[in-house]
Amino acid sequence: AVPTGIKIFSWIATMWGGSIRFTAPMIWAIGFIFLFTVGGVTGVVLANAGLDRSLHATYYVVAHFHYVLSLGAVFGIFAGFYYWFPKMSGYVIPDWIGRLHFWIAFIGANLLFFPQHFLGIAGMPRHYVDYPDAFAGWHFWSSIGSYIFAAGLLVWIYGVIVAFTRKELAGDNPWGEGATTLEWTLSSPPPFHQFETLPRIAGSDH
């Protein structure tokens, strides 16, 4: 828990005092930190041997695991996708599409996995396809969350289609002064065989 806490506070400290613009990649990154933190907190519960004796192999573990690895990875991947898509393709996905995709996915993901904590505490075991009617209520809401999250993926696909049909050019650096790494000095998409020799960086900005 301590190394993970250090990582989370390091990410927050990186943003603290910075000139943050809440573009689509940024809110996806913040969403990742939130979901990863929720997963980490629920993992501390499982570290208690007495509690883990009851919660082991229940839906509580499923919820914890997906908050940390599944949702954390997915939201991080989408943050990277929306950030580097203009550089990879040369085209722009409208920012409102990335934001809409985020909020649909964020609501759907939490509605999908958070109720599974309650199912696990109630004793719902994992790896079972059937369950008593007493567990049906939270399963229903979890299923609704999966449909909402899937709807967000349709918005993402729509955004990619819009980018390649409208063909709005991204330019070399659509993110402005905040993007100072070498890839943003190239055209979008970059030509082949760039930086075949080690580039020399000079100036006070680097």
C-alpha atoms as a PDB file:
ATOM      1  CA  ALA A   1       0.000   0.000   0.000  1.00  0.00           C
ATOM      2  CA  VAL A   2       2.845   2.417   0.784  1.00  0.00           C
ATOM      3  CA  PRO A   3       4.478   2.323  -2.701  1.00  0.00           C
ATOM      4  CA  THR A   4       1.072   2.717  -4.332  1.00  0.00           C
ATOM      5  CA  GLY A   5       0.251   5.653  -2.070  1.00  0.00           C
ATOM      6  CA  ILE A   6       3.556   7.276  -3.014  1.00  0.00           C
ATOM      7  CA  LYS A   7       2.677   6.897  -6.700  1.00  0.00           C
ATOM      8  CA  ILE A   8      -0.778   8.416  -6.257  1.00  0.00           C
ATOM      9  CA  PHE A   9       0.518  11.406  -4.286  1.00  0.00           C
ATOM     10  CA  SER A  10       3.318  11.857  -6.828  1.00  0.00           C
ATOM     11  CA  TRP A  11       0.754  12.058  -9.641  1.00  0.00           C
ATOM     12  CA  ILE A  12      -1.347  14.554  -7.688  1.00  0.00           C
ATOM     13  CA  ALA A  13       1.737  16.605  -6.792  1.00  0.00           C
ATOM     14  CA  THR A  14       2.664  16.732 -10.473  1.00  0.00           C
ATOM     15  CA  MET A  15      -0.664  18.428 -11.212  1.00  0.00           C
ATOM     16  CA  TRP A  16      -0.650  20.595  -8.079  1.00  0.00           C
ATOM     17  CA  GLY A  17       0.092  24.184  -8.954  1.00  0.00           C
ATOM     18  CA  GLY A  18       0.255  23.384 -12.649  1.00  0.00           C
ATOM     19  CA  SER A  19      -1.642  25.128 -15.404  1.00  0.00           C
ATOM     20  CA  ILE A  20      -4.108  22.305 -15.990  1.00  0.00           C
ATOM     21  CA  ARG A  21      -6.382  22.352 -19.006  1.00  0.00           C
ATOM     22  CA  PHE A  22      -9.242  19.894 -18.683  1.00  0.00           C
ATOM     23  CA  THR A  23      -8.991  18.480 -22.173  1.00  0.00           C
ATOM     24  CA  ALA A  24     -10.143  14.949 -22.944  1.00  0.00           C
ATOM     25  CA  PRO A  25      -6.751  13.309 -22.193  1.00  0.00           C
ATOM     26  CA  MET A  26      -6.503  15.163 -18.876  1.00  0.00           C
ATOM     27  CA  ILE A  27      -9.898  14.113 -17.538  1.00  0.00           C
ATOM     28  CA  TRP A  28      -9.208  10.523 -18.594  1.00  0.00           C
ATOM     29  CA  ALA A  29      -5.935  10.683 -16.625  1.00  0.00           C
ATOM     30  CA  ILE A  30      -7.714  12.121 -13.576  1.00  0.00           C
ATOM     31  CA  GLY A  31     -10.363   9.419 -13.900  1.00  0.00           C
ATOM     32  CA  PHE A  32      -7.603   6.824 -13.888  1.00  0.00           C
ATOM     33  CA  ILE A  33      -6.160   8.223 -10.650  1.00  0.00           C
ATOM     34  CA  PHE A  34      -9.600   8.176  -8.991  1.00  0.00           C
ATOM     35  CA  LEU A  35     -10.442   4.618 -10.011  1.00  0.00           C
ATOM     36  CA  PHE A  36      -6.959   3.352  -9.179  1.00  0.00           C
ATOM     37  CA  THR A  37      -7.271   4.948  -5.735  1.00  0.00           C
ATOM     38  CA  VAL A  38     -10.636   3.278  -5.099  1.00  0.00           C
ATOM     39  CA  GLY A  39      -9.109  -0.046  -6.060  1.00  0.00           C
ATOM     40  CA  GLY A  40      -6.158   0.576  -3.768  1.00  0.00           C
ATOM     41  CA  VAL A  41      -8.368   1.434  -0.792  1.00  0.00           C
ATOM     42  CA  THR A  42     -10.432  -1.729  -1.242  1.00  0.00           C
ATOM     43  CA  GLY A  43      -7.188  -3.679  -1.476  1.00  0.00           C
ATOM     44  CA  VAL A  44      -6.190  -2.470   1.993  1.00  0.00           C
ATOM     45  CA  VAL A  45      -9.363  -4.143   3.288  1.00  0.00           C
ATOM     46  CA  LEU A  46      -8.310  -7.431   1.709  1.00  0.00           C
ATOM     47  CA  ALA A  47      -4.907  -7.149   3.389  1.00  0.00           C
ATOM     48  CA  ASN A  48      -6.631  -7.800   6.727  1.00  0.00           C
ATOM     49  CA  ALA A  49      -6.343 -11.556   7.232  1.00  0.00           C
ATOM     50  CA  GLY A  50      -9.530 -11.762   9.290  1.00  0.00           C
ATOM     51  CA  LEU A  51     -11.623  -9.974   6.674  1.00  0.00           C
ATOM     52  CA  ASP A  52      -9.953 -11.732   3.766  1.00  0.00           C
ATOM     53  CA  ARG A  53     -11.013 -15.071   5.237  1.00  0.00           C
ATOM     54  CA  SER A  54     -14.621 -14.059   4.520  1.00  0.00           C
ATOM     55  CA  LEU A  55     -14.079 -11.967   1.382  1.00  0.00           C
ATOM     56  CA  HIS A  56     -11.658 -14.257  -0.438  1.00  0.00           C
ATOM     57  CA  ALA A  57     -13.081 -15.670  -3.705  1.00  0.00           C
ATOM     58  CA  THR A  58     -16.136 -13.410  -3.505  1.00  0.00           C
ATOM     59  CA  TYR A  59     -17.325 -10.613  -5.768  1.00  0.00           C
ATOM     60  CA  TYR A  60     -15.507  -8.159  -3.501  1.00  0.00           C
ATOM     61  CA  VAL A  61     -12.230  -9.436  -4.937  1.00  0.00           C
ATOM     62  CA  VAL A  62     -13.654  -9.149  -8.462  1.00  0.00           C
ATOM     63  CA  ALA A  63     -14.561  -5.499  -7.857  1.00  0.00           C
ATOM     64  CA  HIS A  64     -11.183  -4.677  -6.292  1.00  0.00           C
ATOM     65  CA  PHE A  65      -9.251  -6.403  -9.064  1.00  0.00           C
ATOM     66  CA  HIS A  66     -11.133  -4.640 -11.847  1.00  0.00           C
ATOM     67  CA  TYR A  67     -10.856  -1.201 -10.246  1.00  0.00           C
ATOM     68  CA  VAL A  68      -7.075  -1.540 -10.036  1.00  0.00           C
ATOM     69  CA  LEU A  69      -6.102  -3.446 -13.174  1.00  0.00           C
ATOM     70  CA  SER A  70      -9.043  -3.327 -15.564  1.00  0.00           C
ATOM     71  CA  LEU A  71     -10.416   0.187 -15.060  1.00  0.00           C
ATOM     72  CA  GLY A  72      -7.030   1.635 -14.215  1.00  0.00           C
ATOM     73  CA  ALA A  73      -5.503   0.237 -17.393  1.00  0.00           C
ATOM     74  CA  VAL A  74      -8.478   1.088 -19.613  1.00  0.00           C
ATOM     75  CA  PHE A  75      -8.747   4.710 -18.478  1.00  0.00           C
ATOM     76  CA  GLY A  76      -4.979   5.126 -18.776  1.00  0.00           C
ATOM     77  CA  ILE A  77      -5.053   3.674 -22.284  1.00  0.00           C
ATOM     78  CA  PHE A  78      -7.833   6.027 -23.370  1.00  0.00           C
ATOM     79  CA  ALA A  79      -5.940   8.989 -21.880  1.00  0.00           C
ATOM     80  CA  GLY A  80      -2.970   8.026 -24.032  1.00  0.00           C
ATOM     81  CA  PHE A  81      -5.171   7.384 -27.052  1.00  0.00           C
ATOM     82  CA  TYR A  82      -6.812  10.812 -27.011  1.00  0.00           C
ATOM     83  CA  TYR A  83      -3.430  12.447 -26.351  1.00  0.00           C
ATOM     84  CA  TRP A  84      -1.464  10.753 -29.130  1.00  0.00           C
ATOM     85  CA  PHE A  85      -4.210  10.150 -31.696  1.00  0.00           C
ATOM     86  CA  PRO A  86      -3.587  13.543 -33.386  1.00  0.00           C
ATOM     87  CA  LYS A  87       0.119  12.725 -33.672  1.00  0.00           C
ATOM     88  CA  MET A  88      -0.458   9.174 -34.940  1.00  0.00           C
ATOM     89  CA  SER A  89      -3.196   9.991 -37.447  1.00  0.00           C
ATOM     90  CA  GLY A  90      -2.728  13.667 -38.247  1.00  0.00           C
ATOM     91  CA  TYR A  91      -6.418  14.293 -37.538  1.00  0.00           C
ATOM     92  CA  VAL A  92      -8.347  15.649 -34.556  1.00  0.00           C
ATOM     93  CA  ILE A  93     -11.126  13.968 -32.601  1.00  0.00           C
ATOM     94  CA  PRO A  94     -13.417  16.780 -31.366  1.00  0.00           C
ATOM     95  CA  ASP A  95     -12.732  17.329 -27.676  1.00  0.00           C
ATOM     96  CA  TRP A  96     -16.412  17.142 -26.746  1.00  0.00           C
ATOM     97  CA  ILE A  97     -16.537  13.566 -28.029  1.00  0.00           C
ATOM     98  CA  GLY A  98     -13.641  12.560 -25.783  1.00  0.00           C
ATOM     99  CA  ARG A  99     -15.321  14.249 -22.821  1.00  0.00           C
ATOM    100  CA  LEU A 100     -18.689  12.620 -23.530  1.00  0.00           C
ATOM    101  CA  HIS A 101     -17.005   9.243 -23.877  1.00  0.00           C
ATOM    102  CA  PHE A 102     -15.286   9.775 -20.525  1.00  0.00           C
ATOM    103  CA  TRP A 103     -18.402  10.627 -18.556  1.00  0.00           C
ATOM    104  CA  ILE A 104     -20.416   7.771 -20.031  1.00  0.00           C
ATOM    105  CA  ALA A 105     -17.569   5.327 -19.361  1.00  0.00           C
ATOM    106  CA  PHE A 106     -16.938   6.714 -15.863  1.00  0.00           C
ATOM    107  CA  ILE A 107     -20.567   6.410 -14.808  1.00  0.00           C
ATOM    108  CA  GLY A 108     -20.934   3.008 -16.443  1.00  0.00           C
ATOM    109  CA  ALA A 109     -17.721   1.603 -14.953  1.00  0.00           C
ATOM    110  CA  ASN A 110     -18.611   2.644 -11.415  1.00  0.00           C
ATOM    111  CA  LEU A 111     -22.161   1.365 -11.755  1.00  0.00           C
ATOM    112  CA  LEU A 112     -20.771  -1.894 -13.135  1.00  0.00           C
ATOM    113  CA  PHE A 113     -18.163  -2.676 -10.491  1.00  0.00           C
ATOM    114  CA  PHE A 114     -18.985  -0.743  -7.302  1.00  0.00           C
ATOM    115  CA  PRO A 115     -22.132  -2.811  -6.505  1.00  0.00           C
ATOM    116  CA  GLN A 116     -19.976  -5.917  -6.664  1.00  0.00           C
ATOM    117  CA  HIS A 117     -18.368  -4.843  -3.382  1.00  0.00           C
ATOM    118  CA  PHE A 118     -21.785  -5.161  -1.747  1.00  0.00           C
ATOM    119  CA  LEU A 119     -22.339  -8.540  -3.385  1.00  0.00           C
ATOM    120  CA  GLY A 120     -19.018  -9.781  -2.044  1.00  0.00           C
ATOM    121  CA  ILE A 121     -19.739  -8.565   1.482  1.00  0.00           C
ATOM    122  CA  ALA A 122     -23.113 -10.337   1.265  1.00  0.00           C
ATOM    123  CA  GLY A 123     -21.320 -13.577   0.374  1.00  0.00           C
ATOM    124  CA  MET A 124     -21.749 -13.826  -3.397  1.00  0.00           C
ATOM    125  CA  PRO A 125     -18.946 -16.152  -4.595  1.00  0.00           C
ATOM    126  CA  ARG A 126     -17.043 -15.563  -7.809  1.00  0.00           C
ATOM    127  CA  HIS A 127     -16.889 -18.100 -10.670  1.00  0.00           C
ATOM    128  CA  TYR A 128     -20.584 -18.982 -10.349  1.00  0.00           C
ATOM    129  CA  VAL A 129     -22.985 -18.409 -13.234  1.00  0.00           C
ATOM    130  CA  ASP A 130     -26.115 -18.698 -11.074  1.00  0.00           C
ATOM    131  CA  TYR A 131     -27.023 -17.115  -7.750  1.00  0.00           C
ATOM    132  CA  PRO A 132     -29.950 -16.816  -5.300  1.00  0.00           C
ATOM    133  CA  ASP A 133     -32.604 -14.169  -5.880  1.00  0.00           C
ATOM    134  CA  ALA A 134     -31.269 -12.262  -2.872  1.00  0.00           C
ATOM    135  CA  PHE A 135     -28.315 -11.151  -5.020  1.00  0.00           C
ATOM    136  CA  ALA A 136     -30.414 -10.216  -8.063  1.00  0.00           C
ATOM    137  CA  GLY A 137     -30.793  -6.509  -7.238  1.00  0.00           C
ATOM    138  CA  TRP A 138     -27.115  -5.575  -7.286  1.00  0.00           C
ATOM    139  CA  HIS A 139     -26.525  -7.865 -10.252  1.00  0.00           C
ATOM    140  CA  PHE A 140     -29.194  -5.928 -12.132  1.00  0.00           C
ATOM    141  CA  TRP A 141     -27.489  -2.586 -11.521  1.00  0.00           C
ATOM    142  CA  SER A 142     -24.118  -4.075 -12.384  1.00  0.00           C
ATOM    143  CA  SER A 143     -25.543  -5.258 -15.700  1.00  0.00           C
ATOM    144  CA  ILE A 144     -26.976  -1.795 -16.406  1.00  0.00           C
ATOM    145  CA  GLY A 145     -23.508  -0.362 -15.797  1.00  0.00           C
ATOM    146  CA  SER A 146     -22.010  -2.719 -18.372  1.00  0.00           C
ATOM    147  CA  TYR A 147     -24.489  -1.493 -20.995  1.00  0.00           C
ATOM    148  CA  ILE A 148     -23.698   2.140 -20.182  1.00  0.00           C
ATOM    149  CA  PHE A 149     -19.966   1.470 -20.469  1.00  0.00           C
ATOM    150  CA  ALA A 150     -20.525  -0.262 -23.820  1.00  0.00           C
ATOM    151  CA  ALA A 151     -22.466   2.793 -25.013  1.00  0.00           C
ATOM    152  CA  GLY A 152     -19.363   4.846 -24.256  1.00  0.00           C
ATOM    153  CA  LEU A 153     -17.349   2.623 -26.582  1.00  0.00           C
ATOM    154  CA  LEU A 154     -19.816   3.440 -29.357  1.00  0.00           C
ATOM    155  CA  VAL A 155     -19.133   7.139 -28.731  1.00  0.00           C
ATOM    156  CA  TRP A 156     -15.391   6.415 -29.011  1.00  0.00           C
ATOM    157  CA  ILE A 157     -15.854   4.608 -32.330  1.00  0.00           C
ATOM    158  CA  TYR A 158     -18.012   7.511 -33.532  1.00  0.00           C
ATOM    159  CA  GLY A 159     -15.212   9.927 -32.628  1.00  0.00           C
ATOM    160  CA  VAL A 160     -12.661   7.962 -34.648  1.00  0.00           C
ATOM    161  CA  ILE A 161     -15.033   7.886 -37.631  1.00  0.00           C
ATOM    162  CA  VAL A 162     -15.614  11.646 -37.335  1.00  0.00           C
ATOM    163  CA  ALA A 163     -11.856  12.268 -37.263  1.00  0.00           C
ATOM    164  CA  PHE A 164     -11.210  10.297 -40.452  1.00  0.00           C
ATOM    165  CA  THR A 165     -14.251  11.659 -42.307  1.00  0.00           C
ATOM    166  CA  ARG A 166     -13.914  15.350 -41.386  1.00  0.00           C
ATOM    167  CA  LYS A 167     -10.105  15.168 -41.685  1.00  0.00           C
ATOM    168  CA  GLU A 168      -9.504  18.235 -39.539  1.00  0.00           C
ATOM    169  CA  LEU A 169      -5.715  18.560 -39.477  1.00  0.00           C
ATOM    170  CA  ALA A 170      -4.099  18.359 -36.056  1.00  0.00           C
ATOM    171  CA  GLY A 171      -0.965  20.349 -36.793  1.00  0.00           C
ATOM    172  CA  ASP A 172       2.442  19.580 -35.355  1.00  0.00           C
ATOM    173  CA  ASN A 173       1.484  20.273 -31.729  1.00  0.00           C
ATOM    174  CA  PRO A 174      -2.245  20.573 -30.991  1.00  0.00           C
ATOM    175  CA  TRP A 175      -1.639  20.658 -27.207  1.00  0.00           C
ATOM    176  CA  GLY A 176       0.439  23.837 -27.160  1.00  0.00           C
ATOM    177  CA  GLU A 177       3.178  24.726 -24.693  1.00  0.00           C
ATOM    178  CA  GLY A 178       2.430  21.809 -22.366  1.00  0.00           C
ATOM    179  CA  ALA A 179       3.680  19.240 -24.874  1.00  0.00           C
ATOM    180  CA  THR A 180       7.445  19.692 -25.034  1.00  0.00           C
ATOM    181  CA  THR A 181       8.726  16.199 -25.804  1.00  0.00           C
ATOM    182  CA  LEU A 182      10.438  15.483 -29.103  1.00  0.00           C
ATOM    183  CA  GLU A 183       7.534  13.852 -30.940  1.00  0.00           C
ATOM    184  CA  TRP A 184       5.652  17.162 -30.927  1.00  0.00           C
ATOM    185  CA  THR A 185       8.426  18.835 -32.914  1.00  0.00           C
ATOM    186  CA  LEU A 186       7.584  16.612 -35.893  1.00  0.00           C
ATOM    187  CA  SER A 187       4.720  16.824 -38.339  1.00  0.00           C
ATOM    188  CA  SER A 188       1.553  14.801 -37.719  1.00  0.00           C
ATOM    189  CA  PRO A 189       1.780  11.954 -38.539  1.00  0.00           C
ATOM    190  CA  PRO A 190       5.571  11.854 -38.297  1.00  0.00           C
ATOM    191  CA  PRO A 191       7.571  10.761 -41.359  1.00  0.00           C
ATOM    192  CA  PHE A 192       9.477   7.508 -41.237  1.00  0.00           C
ATOM    193  CA  HIS A 193      13.099   7.342 -40.058  1.00  0.00           C
ATOM    194  CA  GLN A 194      13.087  10.294 -37.685  1.00  0.00           C
ATOM    195  CA  PHE A 195      15.740  10.672 -34.991  1.00  0.00           C
ATOM    196  CA  GLU A 196      18.018   8.062 -36.551  1.00  0.00           C
ATOM    197  CA  THR A 197      20.805   9.910 -34.792  1.00  0.00           C
ATOM    198  CA  LEU A 198      20.571  11.175 -31.234  1.00  0.00           C
ATOM    199  CA  PRO A 199      19.100  14.710 -31.399  1.00  0.00           C
ATOM    200  CA  ARG A 200      20.852  17.554 -29.620  1.00  0.00           C
ATOM    201  CA  ILE A 201      18.532  19.556 -27.371  1.00  0.00           C
ATOM    202  CA  ALA A 202      19.490  23.144 -26.639  1.00  0.00           C
ATOM    203  CA  GLY A 203      17.650  26.053 -25.075  1.00  0.00           C
ATOM    204  CA  SER A 204      16.155  27.074 -21.743  1.00  0.00           C
ATOM    205  CA  ASP A 205      12.830  25.365 -22.470  1.00  0.00           C
ATOM    206  CA  HIS A 206      14.305  21.851 -22.200  1.00  0.00           C
END
